[in-house]
Amino acid sequence: MQLKKLTLYTPDLQRAIAFYSHTLKFPLLIKSLQSATFRIGKTRLTFIRRDTATTYHMAINIPSNKESEALAWLQDKVKLLTHEEKEMIDFPNWDSKAMFFYDMDGNVIEFIARKNLYYTESMPFHSSQSMGISEIGMAVDDVKGTYEQLNKIHPLPIFDGDVDGDFVAAGNEKGLFIIIDKNKRSWFPTEDKAVTSDFILNGKNISFRYVDGEIYPTASN
């Protein structure tokens, strides 16, 4: 499942432009007074200015063989978040390694190298090698209900977790909805309180607006 277009909200558009285009080096495609769009691999990421914007979690797929180089590349640009004092975090059940950091708004951003995708690069690591955004977090009150709403739009396999628990990852390694019970979990690896945050998603098979914790299907484009 490819996440083709993702729209998030930011209280400070100029800071978003500076961080994503200058710090992370993602190409700025479109800019206006109220929004900016970046190319992250096969995903177009748009930020719209909104004073009441709240925080997100999202992950970006990087080449399967570049986790160490990506870590070194990020160390010069951001303060990496740690888990058990490690900046490189191993997820053996997902056959992947990842690193986490905050962006300009305190959103938890993840670079993840998934071995099962077999996407490798021979050139030194750069963010331009990113495959696309592969995860968007949904902090909810009802994990099972949210998963069932998504399934009404398009059938989604459970990649990990349990719909009757406090976490489920739905989709596949190219596109996952990370659904957590916000009353029981925070976004890994932080202890920050997870909040329900609006976004707009246009995917290869699933498109919707997520507003105030409700899912509103839209036409794909």
N, C-alpha and C. Protein backbone atom coordinates (compact mmCIF):
# COMPACT_ATOMS: atom_id res chain seq x y z
N MET A 1 0.85 -1.20 0.00
CA MET A 1 0.00 0.00 0.00
C MET A 1 0.88 1.24 0.00
N GLN A 2 0.81 2.02 -1.03
CA GLN A 2 1.64 3.21 -1.15
C GLN A 2 0.91 4.43 -0.65
N LEU A 3 1.54 5.17 0.27
CA LEU A 3 0.98 6.43 0.74
C LEU A 3 1.45 7.53 -0.22
N LYS A 4 0.61 7.87 -1.18
CA LYS A 4 1.01 8.78 -2.24
C LYS A 4 1.07 10.23 -1.79
N LYS A 5 0.04 10.65 -1.05
CA LYS A 5 -0.03 12.03 -0.59
C LYS A 5 -0.47 12.06 0.86
N LEU A 6 0.25 12.84 1.67
CA LEU A 6 -0.10 12.98 3.08
C LEU A 6 -0.08 14.46 3.43
N THR A 7 -1.17 14.94 4.00
CA THR A 7 -1.27 16.33 4.42
C THR A 7 -1.36 16.41 5.93
N LEU A 8 -0.43 17.16 6.53
CA LEU A 8 -0.39 17.39 7.96
C LEU A 8 -0.55 18.88 8.22
N TYR A 9 -0.60 19.26 9.49
CA TYR A 9 -0.78 20.66 9.86
C TYR A 9 0.37 21.10 10.77
N THR A 10 0.72 22.37 10.63
CA THR A 10 1.82 22.93 11.42
C THR A 10 1.45 24.34 11.88
N PRO A 11 1.84 24.72 13.09
CA PRO A 11 1.57 26.10 13.53
C PRO A 11 2.54 27.11 12.94
N ASP A 12 3.64 26.64 12.37
CA ASP A 12 4.67 27.55 11.85
C ASP A 12 5.17 27.01 10.51
N LEU A 13 4.60 27.49 9.44
CA LEU A 13 4.94 26.97 8.11
C LEU A 13 6.39 27.25 7.74
N GLN A 14 6.90 28.40 8.09
CA GLN A 14 8.28 28.73 7.73
C GLN A 14 9.28 27.80 8.42
N ARG A 15 9.00 27.45 9.66
CA ARG A 15 9.86 26.49 10.35
C ARG A 15 9.79 25.12 9.69
N ALA A 16 8.60 24.74 9.23
CA ALA A 16 8.45 23.46 8.54
C ALA A 16 9.26 23.45 7.25
N ILE A 17 9.19 24.54 6.51
CA ILE A 17 9.96 24.64 5.27
C ILE A 17 11.45 24.55 5.55
N ALA A 18 11.90 25.27 6.57
CA ALA A 18 13.33 25.25 6.90
C ALA A 18 13.78 23.85 7.31
N PHE A 19 12.96 23.16 8.11
CA PHE A 19 13.38 21.85 8.60
C PHE A 19 13.39 20.81 7.49
N TYR A 20 12.30 20.71 6.73
CA TYR A 20 12.21 19.63 5.75
C TYR A 20 13.03 19.90 4.50
N SER A 21 13.19 21.15 4.12
CA SER A 21 13.95 21.42 2.90
C SER A 21 15.43 21.68 3.18
N HIS A 22 15.75 22.33 4.31
CA HIS A 22 17.14 22.67 4.59
C HIS A 22 17.82 21.64 5.50
N THR A 23 17.14 21.24 6.57
CA THR A 23 17.76 20.27 7.48
C THR A 23 17.74 18.87 6.89
N LEU A 24 16.57 18.40 6.46
CA LEU A 24 16.46 17.04 5.93
C LEU A 24 16.68 16.95 4.43
N LYS A 25 16.74 18.07 3.75
CA LYS A 25 17.11 18.11 2.33
C LYS A 25 16.08 17.47 1.40
N PHE A 26 14.81 17.51 1.77
CA PHE A 26 13.77 17.03 0.87
C PHE A 26 13.37 18.16 -0.08
N PRO A 27 13.21 17.88 -1.36
CA PRO A 27 12.88 18.94 -2.33
C PRO A 27 11.55 19.62 -2.01
N LEU A 28 11.56 20.93 -2.02
CA LEU A 28 10.35 21.72 -1.86
C LEU A 28 9.73 21.90 -3.24
N LEU A 29 8.54 21.33 -3.43
CA LEU A 29 7.90 21.32 -4.74
C LEU A 29 6.98 22.51 -4.96
N ILE A 30 6.19 22.84 -3.94
CA ILE A 30 5.19 23.91 -4.04
C ILE A 30 5.20 24.69 -2.73
N LYS A 31 5.11 26.00 -2.84
CA LYS A 31 5.08 26.85 -1.65
C LYS A 31 4.07 27.97 -1.84
N SER A 32 3.26 28.21 -0.81
CA SER A 32 2.33 29.33 -0.81
C SER A 32 2.34 29.94 0.59
N LEU A 33 1.49 30.93 0.82
CA LEU A 33 1.43 31.56 2.14
C LEU A 33 0.89 30.60 3.20
N GLN A 34 0.10 29.62 2.76
CA GLN A 34 -0.57 28.75 3.72
C GLN A 34 -0.10 27.30 3.70
N SER A 35 0.67 26.91 2.71
CA SER A 35 1.06 25.50 2.62
C SER A 35 2.39 25.33 1.89
N ALA A 36 2.97 24.15 2.06
CA ALA A 36 4.21 23.78 1.37
C ALA A 36 4.19 22.27 1.15
N THR A 37 4.67 21.86 -0.03
CA THR A 37 4.68 20.44 -0.38
C THR A 37 6.10 19.99 -0.71
N PHE A 38 6.48 18.85 -0.14
CA PHE A 38 7.82 18.29 -0.32
C PHE A 38 7.72 16.92 -0.99
N ARG A 39 8.77 16.54 -1.68
CA ARG A 39 8.85 15.20 -2.24
C ARG A 39 9.69 14.33 -1.32
N ILE A 40 9.08 13.27 -0.82
CA ILE A 40 9.79 12.28 -0.01
C ILE A 40 9.61 10.94 -0.73
N GLY A 41 10.54 10.61 -1.58
CA GLY A 41 10.42 9.42 -2.40
C GLY A 41 9.15 9.47 -3.23
N LYS A 42 8.31 8.46 -3.09
CA LYS A 42 7.07 8.39 -3.85
C LYS A 42 5.91 9.10 -3.16
N THR A 43 6.19 9.74 -2.03
CA THR A 43 5.14 10.45 -1.29
C THR A 43 5.29 11.96 -1.45
N ARG A 44 4.16 12.62 -1.58
CA ARG A 44 4.14 14.09 -1.53
C ARG A 44 3.61 14.48 -0.16
N LEU A 45 4.46 15.13 0.64
CA LEU A 45 4.10 15.55 1.99
C LEU A 45 3.77 17.04 1.98
N THR A 46 2.56 17.38 2.38
CA THR A 46 2.13 18.77 2.44
C THR A 46 1.88 19.19 3.89
N PHE A 47 2.37 20.37 4.23
CA PHE A 47 2.04 20.99 5.52
C PHE A 47 1.16 22.20 5.24
N ILE A 48 0.07 22.28 5.99
CA ILE A 48 -0.82 23.44 5.95
C ILE A 48 -0.74 24.15 7.29
N ARG A 49 -0.66 25.47 7.24
CA ARG A 49 -0.55 26.24 8.49
C ARG A 49 -1.88 26.21 9.24
N ARG A 50 -1.80 25.87 10.50
CA ARG A 50 -2.98 25.89 11.37
C ARG A 50 -2.50 26.17 12.79
N ASP A 51 -3.04 27.21 13.40
CA ASP A 51 -2.59 27.60 14.73
C ASP A 51 -2.78 26.51 15.77
N THR A 52 -3.80 25.68 15.60
CA THR A 52 -4.14 24.66 16.59
C THR A 52 -3.58 23.28 16.24
N ALA A 53 -2.60 23.22 15.36
CA ALA A 53 -2.02 21.93 14.96
C ALA A 53 -1.45 21.19 16.16
N THR A 54 -1.63 19.86 16.15
CA THR A 54 -1.06 19.01 17.19
C THR A 54 -0.08 18.02 16.56
N THR A 55 0.51 17.17 17.37
CA THR A 55 1.69 16.42 16.92
C THR A 55 1.35 15.06 16.31
N TYR A 56 2.31 14.56 15.52
CA TYR A 56 2.16 13.34 14.73
C TYR A 56 3.32 12.38 14.98
N HIS A 57 3.11 11.15 14.49
CA HIS A 57 4.20 10.19 14.29
C HIS A 57 4.15 9.74 12.84
N MET A 58 5.29 9.76 12.17
CA MET A 58 5.35 9.17 10.83
C MET A 58 6.73 8.57 10.61
N ALA A 59 6.78 7.58 9.71
CA ALA A 59 8.03 6.90 9.38
C ALA A 59 8.31 7.00 7.89
N ILE A 60 9.59 7.03 7.56
CA ILE A 60 10.06 7.15 6.18
C ILE A 60 10.96 5.96 5.87
N ASN A 61 10.63 5.22 4.83
CA ASN A 61 11.46 4.09 4.42
C ASN A 61 12.74 4.58 3.77
N ILE A 62 13.87 4.00 4.19
CA ILE A 62 15.16 4.28 3.59
C ILE A 62 15.73 2.97 3.05
N PRO A 63 16.79 3.03 2.25
CA PRO A 63 17.34 1.78 1.70
C PRO A 63 17.67 0.75 2.77
N SER A 64 17.46 -0.51 2.43
CA SER A 64 17.60 -1.61 3.38
C SER A 64 19.02 -1.76 3.92
N ASN A 65 20.02 -1.25 3.18
CA ASN A 65 21.42 -1.41 3.57
C ASN A 65 22.05 -0.13 4.08
N LYS A 66 21.25 0.89 4.40
CA LYS A 66 21.83 2.19 4.70
C LYS A 66 21.54 2.69 6.13
N GLU A 67 21.17 1.80 7.03
CA GLU A 67 20.82 2.28 8.37
C GLU A 67 21.99 2.95 9.09
N SER A 68 23.18 2.38 8.97
CA SER A 68 24.34 2.96 9.67
C SER A 68 24.73 4.31 9.06
N GLU A 69 24.71 4.39 7.74
CA GLU A 69 25.03 5.66 7.08
C GLU A 69 23.95 6.71 7.38
N ALA A 70 22.70 6.28 7.41
CA ALA A 70 21.62 7.22 7.71
C ALA A 70 21.74 7.76 9.12
N LEU A 71 22.14 6.90 10.05
CA LEU A 71 22.34 7.33 11.42
C LEU A 71 23.41 8.41 11.49
N ALA A 72 24.54 8.18 10.84
CA ALA A 72 25.62 9.16 10.84
C ALA A 72 25.17 10.45 10.15
N TRP A 73 24.42 10.34 9.08
CA TRP A 73 23.91 11.51 8.35
C TRP A 73 23.01 12.34 9.24
N LEU A 74 22.15 11.68 10.00
CA LEU A 74 21.22 12.40 10.87
C LEU A 74 21.91 13.00 12.09
N GLN A 75 22.95 12.35 12.58
CA GLN A 75 23.63 12.84 13.79
C GLN A 75 24.16 14.25 13.61
N ASP A 76 24.46 14.64 12.39
CA ASP A 76 24.96 15.99 12.12
C ASP A 76 23.83 17.01 12.00
N LYS A 77 22.58 16.55 12.01
CA LYS A 77 21.47 17.44 11.68
C LYS A 77 20.41 17.56 12.78
N VAL A 78 20.21 16.49 13.55
CA VAL A 78 19.15 16.48 14.56
C VAL A 78 19.66 15.77 15.81
N LYS A 79 18.91 15.94 16.89
CA LYS A 79 19.19 15.19 18.12
C LYS A 79 18.35 13.91 18.06
N LEU A 80 19.02 12.79 18.02
CA LEU A 80 18.32 11.51 17.90
C LEU A 80 17.73 11.08 19.23
N LEU A 81 16.55 10.50 19.18
CA LEU A 81 15.92 9.94 20.36
C LEU A 81 16.49 8.55 20.63
N THR A 82 16.52 8.16 21.87
CA THR A 82 17.14 6.89 22.22
C THR A 82 16.15 5.96 22.92
N HIS A 83 16.46 4.67 22.84
CA HIS A 83 15.73 3.64 23.58
C HIS A 83 16.78 2.72 24.18
N GLU A 84 16.75 2.60 25.50
CA GLU A 84 17.77 1.84 26.22
C GLU A 84 19.16 2.32 25.84
N GLU A 85 19.27 3.66 25.73
CA GLU A 85 20.53 4.36 25.45
C GLU A 85 21.07 4.10 24.04
N LYS A 86 20.25 3.57 23.17
CA LYS A 86 20.68 3.29 21.79
C LYS A 86 19.97 4.21 20.81
N GLU A 87 20.75 4.76 19.86
CA GLU A 87 20.17 5.59 18.82
C GLU A 87 19.67 4.74 17.65
N MET A 88 20.30 3.61 17.41
CA MET A 88 19.85 2.66 16.40
C MET A 88 19.03 1.59 17.09
N ILE A 89 17.78 1.47 16.71
CA ILE A 89 16.88 0.56 17.42
C ILE A 89 16.51 -0.59 16.49
N ASP A 90 16.69 -1.80 17.00
CA ASP A 90 16.45 -3.01 16.22
C ASP A 90 15.03 -3.51 16.48
N PHE A 91 14.32 -3.83 15.37
CA PHE A 91 12.99 -4.43 15.46
C PHE A 91 13.05 -5.80 14.79
N PRO A 92 13.50 -6.83 15.51
CA PRO A 92 13.71 -8.14 14.87
C PRO A 92 12.42 -8.74 14.31
N ASN A 93 11.29 -8.50 14.96
CA ASN A 93 10.03 -9.06 14.45
C ASN A 93 9.63 -8.44 13.11
N TRP A 94 10.12 -7.23 12.85
CA TRP A 94 9.82 -6.55 11.59
C TRP A 94 11.01 -6.64 10.63
N ASP A 95 12.11 -7.29 11.07
CA ASP A 95 13.33 -7.39 10.27
C ASP A 95 13.75 -6.00 9.78
N SER A 96 13.85 -5.07 10.72
CA SER A 96 14.18 -3.69 10.36
C SER A 96 14.97 -3.03 11.48
N LYS A 97 15.62 -1.94 11.10
CA LYS A 97 16.31 -1.08 12.06
C LYS A 97 15.89 0.36 11.80
N ALA A 98 15.77 1.12 12.90
CA ALA A 98 15.22 2.47 12.75
C ALA A 98 15.90 3.44 13.70
N MET A 99 15.75 4.72 13.36
CA MET A 99 16.22 5.81 14.22
C MET A 99 15.12 6.86 14.26
N PHE A 100 15.02 7.54 15.41
CA PHE A 100 13.91 8.46 15.65
C PHE A 100 14.43 9.83 16.05
N PHE A 101 13.65 10.87 15.71
CA PHE A 101 14.01 12.23 16.08
C PHE A 101 12.76 13.10 16.02
N TYR A 102 12.85 14.24 16.65
CA TYR A 102 11.77 15.22 16.58
C TYR A 102 11.99 16.15 15.38
N ASP A 103 10.89 16.56 14.75
CA ASP A 103 11.01 17.65 13.77
C ASP A 103 10.76 18.97 14.47
N MET A 104 10.51 20.02 13.71
CA MET A 104 10.41 21.37 14.26
C MET A 104 9.23 21.56 15.21
N ASP A 105 8.19 20.72 15.08
CA ASP A 105 6.99 20.84 15.89
C ASP A 105 6.92 19.80 17.01
N GLY A 106 7.94 18.97 17.15
CA GLY A 106 7.88 17.90 18.13
C GLY A 106 7.19 16.66 17.62
N ASN A 107 6.97 16.59 16.29
CA ASN A 107 6.47 15.34 15.70
C ASN A 107 7.57 14.29 15.77
N VAL A 108 7.20 13.04 16.05
CA VAL A 108 8.17 11.95 16.10
C VAL A 108 8.35 11.40 14.69
N ILE A 109 9.55 11.58 14.15
CA ILE A 109 9.87 11.14 12.79
C ILE A 109 10.83 9.96 12.87
N GLU A 110 10.63 9.01 11.99
CA GLU A 110 11.42 7.77 12.00
C GLU A 110 11.97 7.50 10.61
N PHE A 111 13.26 7.21 10.54
CA PHE A 111 13.88 6.65 9.34
C PHE A 111 14.00 5.16 9.60
N ILE A 112 13.45 4.33 8.72
CA ILE A 112 13.45 2.89 8.96
C ILE A 112 13.95 2.13 7.74
N ALA A 113 14.90 1.22 7.98
CA ALA A 113 15.46 0.35 6.93
C ALA A 113 14.83 -1.02 7.09
N ARG A 114 13.98 -1.39 6.14
CA ARG A 114 13.26 -2.66 6.20
C ARG A 114 13.96 -3.67 5.28
N LYS A 115 14.52 -4.69 5.90
CA LYS A 115 15.30 -5.66 5.15
C LYS A 115 14.45 -6.43 4.14
N ASN A 116 13.19 -6.65 4.45
CA ASN A 116 12.32 -7.43 3.58
C ASN A 116 11.98 -6.74 2.26
N LEU A 117 12.26 -5.44 2.17
CA LEU A 117 11.97 -4.73 0.92
C LEU A 117 13.09 -4.88 -0.10
N TYR A 118 14.26 -5.29 0.37
CA TYR A 118 15.40 -5.55 -0.54
C TYR A 118 15.69 -4.36 -1.46
N TYR A 119 15.59 -3.16 -0.90
CA TYR A 119 15.92 -1.95 -1.67
C TYR A 119 17.27 -1.46 -1.19
N THR A 120 18.27 -1.56 -2.04
CA THR A 120 19.62 -1.18 -1.65
C THR A 120 20.14 -0.06 -2.54
N GLU A 121 21.12 0.66 -2.01
CA GLU A 121 21.78 1.74 -2.74
C GLU A 121 23.29 1.59 -2.57
N SER A 122 24.03 1.93 -3.62
CA SER A 122 25.49 1.85 -3.56
C SER A 122 26.12 3.21 -3.24
N MET A 123 25.42 4.30 -3.54
CA MET A 123 25.96 5.64 -3.27
C MET A 123 25.85 5.97 -1.78
N PRO A 124 26.70 6.92 -1.29
CA PRO A 124 26.59 7.33 0.11
C PRO A 124 25.18 7.82 0.43
N PHE A 125 24.75 7.59 1.66
CA PHE A 125 23.36 7.90 2.01
C PHE A 125 23.05 9.38 1.89
N HIS A 126 21.86 9.65 1.36
CA HIS A 126 21.28 10.99 1.33
C HIS A 126 19.77 10.81 1.41
N SER A 127 19.08 11.80 1.95
CA SER A 127 17.62 11.68 2.09
C SER A 127 16.92 11.49 0.76
N SER A 128 17.56 11.87 -0.34
CA SER A 128 16.96 11.68 -1.67
C SER A 128 16.77 10.20 -2.00
N GLN A 129 17.42 9.30 -1.26
CA GLN A 129 17.25 7.86 -1.48
C GLN A 129 15.99 7.32 -0.79
N SER A 130 15.30 8.16 -0.04
CA SER A 130 14.10 7.70 0.67
C SER A 130 13.07 7.15 -0.29
N MET A 131 12.41 6.07 0.09
CA MET A 131 11.40 5.43 -0.75
C MET A 131 10.05 6.12 -0.63
N GLY A 132 9.78 6.68 0.53
CA GLY A 132 8.50 7.35 0.76
C GLY A 132 8.09 7.21 2.21
N ILE A 133 7.02 7.90 2.57
CA ILE A 133 6.47 7.76 3.91
C ILE A 133 5.76 6.42 4.00
N SER A 134 6.11 5.64 5.03
CA SER A 134 5.58 4.28 5.14
C SER A 134 4.68 4.09 6.35
N GLU A 135 4.63 5.06 7.26
CA GLU A 135 3.77 4.94 8.43
C GLU A 135 3.18 6.30 8.78
N ILE A 136 1.92 6.28 9.16
CA ILE A 136 1.30 7.45 9.78
C ILE A 136 0.59 6.95 11.03
N GLY A 137 0.81 7.64 12.13
CA GLY A 137 0.23 7.23 13.38
C GLY A 137 -1.18 7.76 13.58
N MET A 138 -2.00 6.97 14.23
CA MET A 138 -3.37 7.36 14.59
C MET A 138 -3.56 7.06 16.07
N ALA A 139 -3.60 8.10 16.89
CA ALA A 139 -3.82 7.96 18.32
C ALA A 139 -5.32 8.05 18.59
N VAL A 140 -5.91 7.00 19.10
CA VAL A 140 -7.37 6.88 19.14
C VAL A 140 -7.84 6.39 20.50
N ASP A 141 -9.15 6.45 20.70
CA ASP A 141 -9.77 5.87 21.90
C ASP A 141 -10.18 4.43 21.68
N ASP A 142 -10.39 4.04 20.42
CA ASP A 142 -10.93 2.72 20.10
C ASP A 142 -10.13 2.11 18.95
N VAL A 143 -9.15 1.27 19.28
CA VAL A 143 -8.27 0.68 18.26
C VAL A 143 -9.08 -0.19 17.30
N LYS A 144 -9.90 -1.06 17.83
CA LYS A 144 -10.66 -1.98 16.98
C LYS A 144 -11.64 -1.22 16.09
N GLY A 145 -12.33 -0.23 16.64
CA GLY A 145 -13.28 0.54 15.86
C GLY A 145 -12.62 1.31 14.73
N THR A 146 -11.43 1.87 15.00
CA THR A 146 -10.70 2.61 13.96
C THR A 146 -10.25 1.66 12.86
N TYR A 147 -9.74 0.49 13.25
CA TYR A 147 -9.31 -0.49 12.26
C TYR A 147 -10.50 -0.92 11.40
N GLU A 148 -11.65 -1.14 12.00
CA GLU A 148 -12.83 -1.56 11.24
C GLU A 148 -13.30 -0.46 10.29
N GLN A 149 -13.19 0.81 10.70
CA GLN A 149 -13.55 1.91 9.81
C GLN A 149 -12.64 1.94 8.58
N LEU A 150 -11.35 1.75 8.79
CA LEU A 150 -10.41 1.73 7.67
C LEU A 150 -10.71 0.56 6.73
N ASN A 151 -11.07 -0.57 7.30
CA ASN A 151 -11.36 -1.75 6.49
C ASN A 151 -12.61 -1.59 5.65
N LYS A 152 -13.51 -0.72 6.05
CA LYS A 152 -14.70 -0.46 5.23
C LYS A 152 -14.33 0.28 3.95
N ILE A 153 -13.22 1.03 4.01
CA ILE A 153 -12.74 1.73 2.81
C ILE A 153 -11.96 0.78 1.92
N HIS A 154 -11.05 0.03 2.54
CA HIS A 154 -10.23 -0.94 1.79
C HIS A 154 -9.71 -1.99 2.76
N PRO A 155 -9.79 -3.28 2.43
CA PRO A 155 -9.30 -4.32 3.33
C PRO A 155 -7.81 -4.15 3.63
N LEU A 156 -7.49 -4.17 4.92
CA LEU A 156 -6.11 -4.00 5.36
C LEU A 156 -5.69 -5.18 6.22
N PRO A 157 -4.62 -5.88 5.83
CA PRO A 157 -4.14 -6.97 6.68
C PRO A 157 -3.53 -6.41 7.96
N ILE A 158 -3.55 -7.20 9.01
CA ILE A 158 -2.87 -6.82 10.25
C ILE A 158 -1.41 -7.22 10.12
N PHE A 159 -0.54 -6.24 10.13
CA PHE A 159 0.90 -6.48 10.03
C PHE A 159 1.48 -6.89 11.37
N ASP A 160 0.98 -6.26 12.43
CA ASP A 160 1.45 -6.57 13.78
C ASP A 160 0.40 -6.06 14.76
N GLY A 161 0.42 -6.61 15.97
CA GLY A 161 -0.49 -6.16 17.01
C GLY A 161 -1.80 -6.93 17.03
N ASP A 162 -2.75 -6.39 17.79
CA ASP A 162 -4.01 -7.07 18.02
C ASP A 162 -5.11 -6.02 18.09
N VAL A 163 -6.13 -6.17 17.28
CA VAL A 163 -7.21 -5.16 17.26
C VAL A 163 -7.94 -5.09 18.59
N ASP A 164 -7.85 -6.13 19.39
CA ASP A 164 -8.49 -6.11 20.71
C ASP A 164 -7.55 -5.59 21.79
N GLY A 165 -6.35 -5.19 21.40
CA GLY A 165 -5.38 -4.66 22.35
C GLY A 165 -5.26 -3.15 22.23
N ASP A 166 -4.06 -2.64 22.57
CA ASP A 166 -3.85 -1.18 22.54
C ASP A 166 -2.97 -0.75 21.38
N PHE A 167 -2.70 -1.68 20.44
CA PHE A 167 -1.85 -1.34 19.29
C PHE A 167 -2.12 -2.29 18.14
N VAL A 168 -2.21 -1.74 16.94
CA VAL A 168 -2.23 -2.56 15.74
C VAL A 168 -1.58 -1.78 14.60
N ALA A 169 -0.75 -2.47 13.82
CA ALA A 169 -0.19 -1.91 12.59
C ALA A 169 -0.91 -2.57 11.43
N ALA A 170 -1.59 -1.78 10.63
CA ALA A 170 -2.43 -2.31 9.55
C ALA A 170 -1.89 -1.87 8.20
N GLY A 171 -1.76 -2.82 7.28
CA GLY A 171 -1.25 -2.52 5.94
C GLY A 171 -0.07 -3.40 5.63
N ASN A 172 0.94 -2.83 4.97
CA ASN A 172 2.16 -3.58 4.67
C ASN A 172 3.36 -2.66 4.81
N GLU A 173 4.54 -3.18 4.50
CA GLU A 173 5.76 -2.44 4.79
C GLU A 173 5.95 -1.17 3.95
N LYS A 174 5.17 -1.02 2.89
CA LYS A 174 5.22 0.21 2.11
C LYS A 174 4.21 1.24 2.59
N GLY A 175 3.26 0.80 3.41
CA GLY A 175 2.25 1.72 3.92
C GLY A 175 1.52 1.12 5.11
N LEU A 176 1.72 1.70 6.29
CA LEU A 176 1.13 1.18 7.51
C LEU A 176 0.40 2.29 8.27
N PHE A 177 -0.76 1.93 8.82
CA PHE A 177 -1.42 2.78 9.79
C PHE A 177 -1.06 2.23 11.17
N ILE A 178 -0.40 3.05 11.97
CA ILE A 178 0.00 2.65 13.31
C ILE A 178 -1.07 3.18 14.27
N ILE A 179 -1.95 2.30 14.70
CA ILE A 179 -3.10 2.69 15.50
C ILE A 179 -2.83 2.33 16.96
N ILE A 180 -2.84 3.33 17.85
CA ILE A 180 -2.58 3.07 19.26
C ILE A 180 -3.71 3.64 20.11
N ASP A 181 -3.92 3.02 21.25
CA ASP A 181 -4.83 3.55 22.25
C ASP A 181 -4.11 4.69 22.98
N LYS A 182 -4.54 5.91 22.74
CA LYS A 182 -3.83 7.07 23.29
C LYS A 182 -3.93 7.15 24.80
N ASN A 183 -4.86 6.40 25.39
CA ASN A 183 -5.01 6.40 26.84
C ASN A 183 -4.06 5.41 27.52
N LYS A 184 -3.41 4.57 26.71
CA LYS A 184 -2.54 3.54 27.26
C LYS A 184 -1.11 3.58 26.71
N ARG A 185 -0.92 4.23 25.57
CA ARG A 185 0.40 4.23 24.93
C ARG A 185 0.82 5.63 24.54
N SER A 186 2.14 5.80 24.42
CA SER A 186 2.72 7.00 23.81
C SER A 186 3.42 6.58 22.54
N TRP A 187 3.89 7.58 21.76
CA TRP A 187 4.63 7.23 20.56
C TRP A 187 6.04 6.79 20.92
N PHE A 188 6.38 5.57 20.52
CA PHE A 188 7.73 5.04 20.73
C PHE A 188 8.73 5.91 20.00
N PRO A 189 9.92 6.21 20.56
CA PRO A 189 10.42 5.77 21.85
C PRO A 189 10.27 6.83 22.94
N THR A 190 9.36 7.77 22.79
CA THR A 190 9.20 8.84 23.77
C THR A 190 8.17 8.46 24.82
N GLU A 191 8.06 9.28 25.82
CA GLU A 191 6.99 9.16 26.81
C GLU A 191 5.99 10.30 26.64
N ASP A 192 6.07 10.99 25.50
CA ASP A 192 5.14 12.09 25.24
C ASP A 192 3.73 11.55 25.07
N LYS A 193 2.77 12.28 25.59
CA LYS A 193 1.37 11.87 25.44
C LYS A 193 0.98 11.91 23.96
N ALA A 194 0.42 10.84 23.46
CA ALA A 194 -0.07 10.79 22.08
C ALA A 194 -1.43 11.48 22.00
N VAL A 195 -1.62 12.28 20.96
CA VAL A 195 -2.88 13.01 20.79
C VAL A 195 -3.46 12.69 19.42
N THR A 196 -4.77 12.85 19.31
CA THR A 196 -5.45 12.66 18.03
C THR A 196 -5.20 13.88 17.16
N SER A 197 -4.60 13.69 15.99
CA SER A 197 -4.22 14.80 15.12
C SER A 197 -4.81 14.60 13.73
N ASP A 198 -5.43 15.65 13.21
CA ASP A 198 -6.05 15.60 11.89
C ASP A 198 -5.01 15.41 10.79
N PHE A 199 -5.38 14.68 9.75
CA PHE A 199 -4.55 14.59 8.55
C PHE A 199 -5.42 14.18 7.37
N ILE A 200 -4.84 14.31 6.18
CA ILE A 200 -5.50 13.87 4.95
C ILE A 200 -4.57 12.89 4.26
N LEU A 201 -5.10 11.75 3.87
CA LEU A 201 -4.29 10.69 3.27
C LEU A 201 -4.86 10.29 1.92
N ASN A 202 -4.00 10.26 0.93
CA ASN A 202 -4.36 9.74 -0.38
C ASN A 202 -3.39 8.62 -0.70
N GLY A 203 -3.90 7.38 -0.75
CA GLY A 203 -3.05 6.24 -1.02
C GLY A 203 -3.42 5.56 -2.32
N LYS A 204 -2.71 4.50 -2.62
CA LYS A 204 -2.96 3.78 -3.86
C LYS A 204 -4.33 3.13 -3.84
N ASN A 205 -4.75 2.64 -2.66
CA ASN A 205 -6.03 1.95 -2.54
C ASN A 205 -6.96 2.55 -1.50
N ILE A 206 -6.48 3.52 -0.74
CA ILE A 206 -7.28 4.05 0.35
C ILE A 206 -7.03 5.55 0.51
N SER A 207 -8.09 6.32 0.57
CA SER A 207 -7.99 7.77 0.71
C SER A 207 -9.06 8.25 1.67
N PHE A 208 -8.69 9.14 2.59
CA PHE A 208 -9.67 9.64 3.54
C PHE A 208 -9.15 10.90 4.24
N ARG A 209 -10.07 11.61 4.86
CA ARG A 209 -9.76 12.71 5.76
C ARG A 209 -9.96 12.21 7.18
N TYR A 210 -9.01 12.50 8.04
CA TYR A 210 -9.10 12.12 9.45
C TYR A 210 -9.27 13.40 10.25
N VAL A 211 -10.48 13.61 10.77
CA VAL A 211 -10.83 14.88 11.41
C VAL A 211 -11.47 14.59 12.77
N ASP A 212 -10.88 15.13 13.82
CA ASP A 212 -11.41 14.97 15.18
C ASP A 212 -11.66 13.50 15.53
N GLY A 213 -10.78 12.63 15.06
CA GLY A 213 -10.90 11.22 15.37
C GLY A 213 -11.87 10.44 14.51
N GLU A 214 -12.44 11.08 13.50
CA GLU A 214 -13.39 10.43 12.60
C GLU A 214 -12.78 10.29 11.21
N ILE A 215 -13.12 9.20 10.52
CA ILE A 215 -12.59 8.91 9.20
C ILE A 215 -13.67 9.20 8.15
N TYR A 216 -13.31 10.04 7.17
CA TYR A 216 -14.25 10.41 6.11
C TYR A 216 -13.64 10.01 4.76
N PRO A 217 -14.13 8.94 4.13
CA PRO A 217 -13.56 8.48 2.85
C PRO A 217 -13.63 9.57 1.79
N THR A 218 -12.61 9.62 0.94
CA THR A 218 -12.56 10.55 -0.18
C THR A 218 -12.15 9.78 -1.43
N ALA A 219 -12.32 10.41 -2.58
CA ALA A 219 -11.92 9.79 -3.84
C ALA A 219 -10.40 9.84 -3.98
N SER A 220 -9.82 8.78 -4.51
CA SER A 220 -8.38 8.77 -4.78
C SER A 220 -8.07 9.67 -5.96
N ASN A 221 -6.87 10.26 -5.94
CA ASN A 221 -6.42 11.07 -7.08
C ASN A 221 -4.93 10.94 -7.25
